[in-house]
């Protein structure tokens, strides 16, 4: 049983470094919600069950790496810091969801991530990024 949602375990389960098992989606949402915006505190990916270090989550298909959650984001972050979006887009193609807009966002809260809108049939971009 998953200690977060109390559902039976299925194929979508993951073991953390501490040894506890969760549904991938449950622990992903927990890691995302535990983001501490205070710059003076260190970010820790910890197990919600035992409060021990949980480690990075493995990257699943069609999930763009998330900062502080997937180790793969560290490789992309240097191009984001240099504002080299052309190289960033080339490297991150293997992580992109083919059903979504193929644009890497250059500003805002989701800077460096794939646009979440579904793309138009005519192009690989959504209606917003298709105009640019």
Protein backbone atom coordinates (compact mmCIF):
# COMPACT_ATOMS: atom_id res chain seq x y z
CA UNK A 1 0.00 0.00 0.00
CA UNK A 2 1.27 3.49 -0.89
CA UNK A 3 1.73 5.51 2.34
CA UNK A 4 0.66 8.71 0.55
CA UNK A 5 -2.60 7.76 -1.21
CA UNK A 6 -3.30 4.41 0.55
CA UNK A 7 -3.91 2.67 -2.78
CA UNK A 8 -2.47 -0.73 -3.64
CA UNK A 9 0.97 -0.71 -5.25
CA UNK A 10 1.13 -1.19 -9.00
CA UNK A 11 3.77 -1.11 -11.73
CA UNK A 12 4.15 2.65 -11.22
CA UNK A 13 5.99 2.35 -7.90
CA UNK A 14 9.45 3.57 -6.94
CA UNK A 15 11.87 2.81 -4.11
CA UNK A 16 13.59 5.81 -2.54
CA UNK A 17 17.16 5.72 -1.22
CA UNK A 18 15.79 5.16 2.29
CA UNK A 19 14.04 1.97 1.14
CA UNK A 20 10.40 3.12 1.28
CA UNK A 21 8.15 2.53 -1.74
CA UNK A 22 5.61 4.97 -3.19
CA UNK A 23 3.62 5.44 -6.39
CA UNK A 24 5.77 7.50 -8.75
CA UNK A 25 3.06 10.15 -9.20
CA UNK A 26 2.46 10.40 -5.44
CA UNK A 27 6.12 10.97 -4.54
CA UNK A 28 6.58 13.32 -7.51
CA UNK A 29 3.72 15.51 -6.30
CA UNK A 30 5.09 15.35 -2.74
CA UNK A 31 8.56 16.43 -3.89
CA UNK A 32 7.03 19.26 -5.94
CA UNK A 33 4.93 20.50 -3.01
CA UNK A 34 7.87 20.48 -0.58
CA UNK A 35 9.77 23.16 -2.50
CA UNK A 36 11.01 25.71 0.00
CA UNK A 37 11.24 29.22 -1.45
CA UNK A 38 13.47 30.49 1.35
CA UNK A 39 16.89 30.88 -0.30
CA UNK A 40 18.74 30.44 3.00
CA UNK A 41 17.55 26.85 3.53
CA UNK A 42 18.93 23.85 1.69
CA UNK A 43 16.60 21.91 -0.58
CA UNK A 44 16.22 18.31 0.59
CA UNK A 45 14.34 15.54 -1.19
CA UNK A 46 13.21 13.60 1.83
CA UNK A 47 10.95 10.61 2.35
CA UNK A 48 7.54 11.72 3.67
CA UNK A 49 7.39 8.54 5.75
CA UNK A 50 10.72 8.46 7.61
CA UNK A 51 12.07 11.97 6.85
CA UNK A 52 15.38 10.50 5.61
CA UNK A 53 17.07 11.56 2.37
CA UNK A 54 15.07 10.14 -0.56
CA UNK A 55 17.35 10.97 -3.48
CA UNK A 56 16.52 12.10 -7.00
CA UNK A 57 13.61 10.48 -8.81
CA UNK A 58 14.30 8.56 -12.01
CA UNK A 59 13.01 10.23 -15.15
CA UNK A 60 10.00 8.58 -16.80
CA UNK A 61 9.15 8.77 -20.52
CA UNK A 62 7.69 12.07 -21.76
CA UNK A 63 8.36 13.87 -18.48
CA UNK A 64 10.55 16.95 -18.74
CA UNK A 65 13.19 16.98 -15.96
CA UNK A 66 12.20 19.09 -12.98
CA UNK A 67 14.63 21.23 -11.01
CA UNK A 68 15.62 19.74 -7.65
CA UNK A 69 13.65 16.53 -8.41
CA UNK A 70 15.33 14.91 -11.43
CA UNK A 71 19.11 14.76 -11.68
CA UNK A 72 18.89 15.24 -15.47
CA UNK A 73 17.84 18.88 -14.96
CA UNK A 74 21.35 19.72 -13.71
CA UNK A 75 22.76 19.08 -17.21
CA UNK A 76 20.14 21.37 -18.77
CA UNK A 77 20.51 24.13 -16.20
CA UNK A 78 23.91 25.37 -17.42
CA UNK A 79 22.41 26.17 -20.85
CA UNK A 80 19.49 27.88 -19.15
CA UNK A 81 21.90 30.02 -17.10
CA UNK A 82 23.76 31.02 -20.29
CA UNK A 83 20.43 31.80 -22.05
CA UNK A 84 21.49 29.32 -24.76
CA UNK A 85 17.96 28.18 -25.64
CA UNK A 86 18.96 26.79 -29.04
CA UNK A 87 21.34 24.23 -27.48
CA UNK A 88 18.91 23.65 -24.61
CA UNK A 89 16.14 22.75 -27.05
CA UNK A 90 18.39 20.34 -28.98
CA UNK A 91 19.55 18.53 -25.83
CA UNK A 92 16.09 18.41 -24.24
CA UNK A 93 14.27 16.95 -27.28
CA UNK A 94 14.65 13.45 -25.84
CA UNK A 95 12.70 14.54 -22.73
CA UNK A 96 9.87 16.36 -24.49
CA UNK A 97 6.32 15.06 -24.65
CA UNK A 98 5.50 14.73 -28.38
CA UNK A 99 1.83 15.58 -27.69
CA UNK A 100 2.69 18.99 -26.24
CA UNK A 101 4.06 22.20 -27.70
CA UNK A 102 7.75 21.78 -28.59
CA UNK A 103 8.78 25.20 -27.23
CA UNK A 104 11.12 25.73 -24.27
CA UNK A 105 9.82 28.66 -22.23
CA UNK A 106 12.27 31.58 -21.98
CA UNK A 107 10.68 33.57 -19.17
CA UNK A 108 8.27 33.32 -16.27
CA UNK A 109 7.91 30.80 -13.46
CA UNK A 110 8.29 27.82 -15.84
CA UNK A 111 11.45 29.18 -17.53
CA UNK A 112 13.47 26.32 -19.01
CA UNK A 113 10.57 23.87 -19.16
CA UNK A 114 8.49 22.60 -22.08
CA UNK A 115 5.27 24.49 -22.79
CA UNK A 116 2.35 22.46 -21.39
CA UNK A 117 -0.19 23.32 -24.08
CA UNK A 118 -1.07 20.78 -26.77
CA UNK A 119 0.34 21.63 -30.18
CA UNK A 120 -1.62 22.45 -33.32
CA UNK A 121 -1.96 19.84 -36.06
CA UNK A 122 -0.19 22.10 -38.57
CA UNK A 123 2.96 22.66 -36.48
CA UNK A 124 4.74 21.42 -33.39
CA UNK A 125 3.83 24.57 -31.46
CA UNK A 126 0.71 25.70 -29.63
CA UNK A 127 -1.35 28.64 -30.87
CA UNK A 128 0.66 31.08 -28.72
CA UNK A 129 4.13 30.00 -29.88
CA UNK A 130 3.02 29.37 -33.47
CA UNK A 131 2.67 33.15 -33.98
CA UNK A 132 6.31 33.86 -33.09
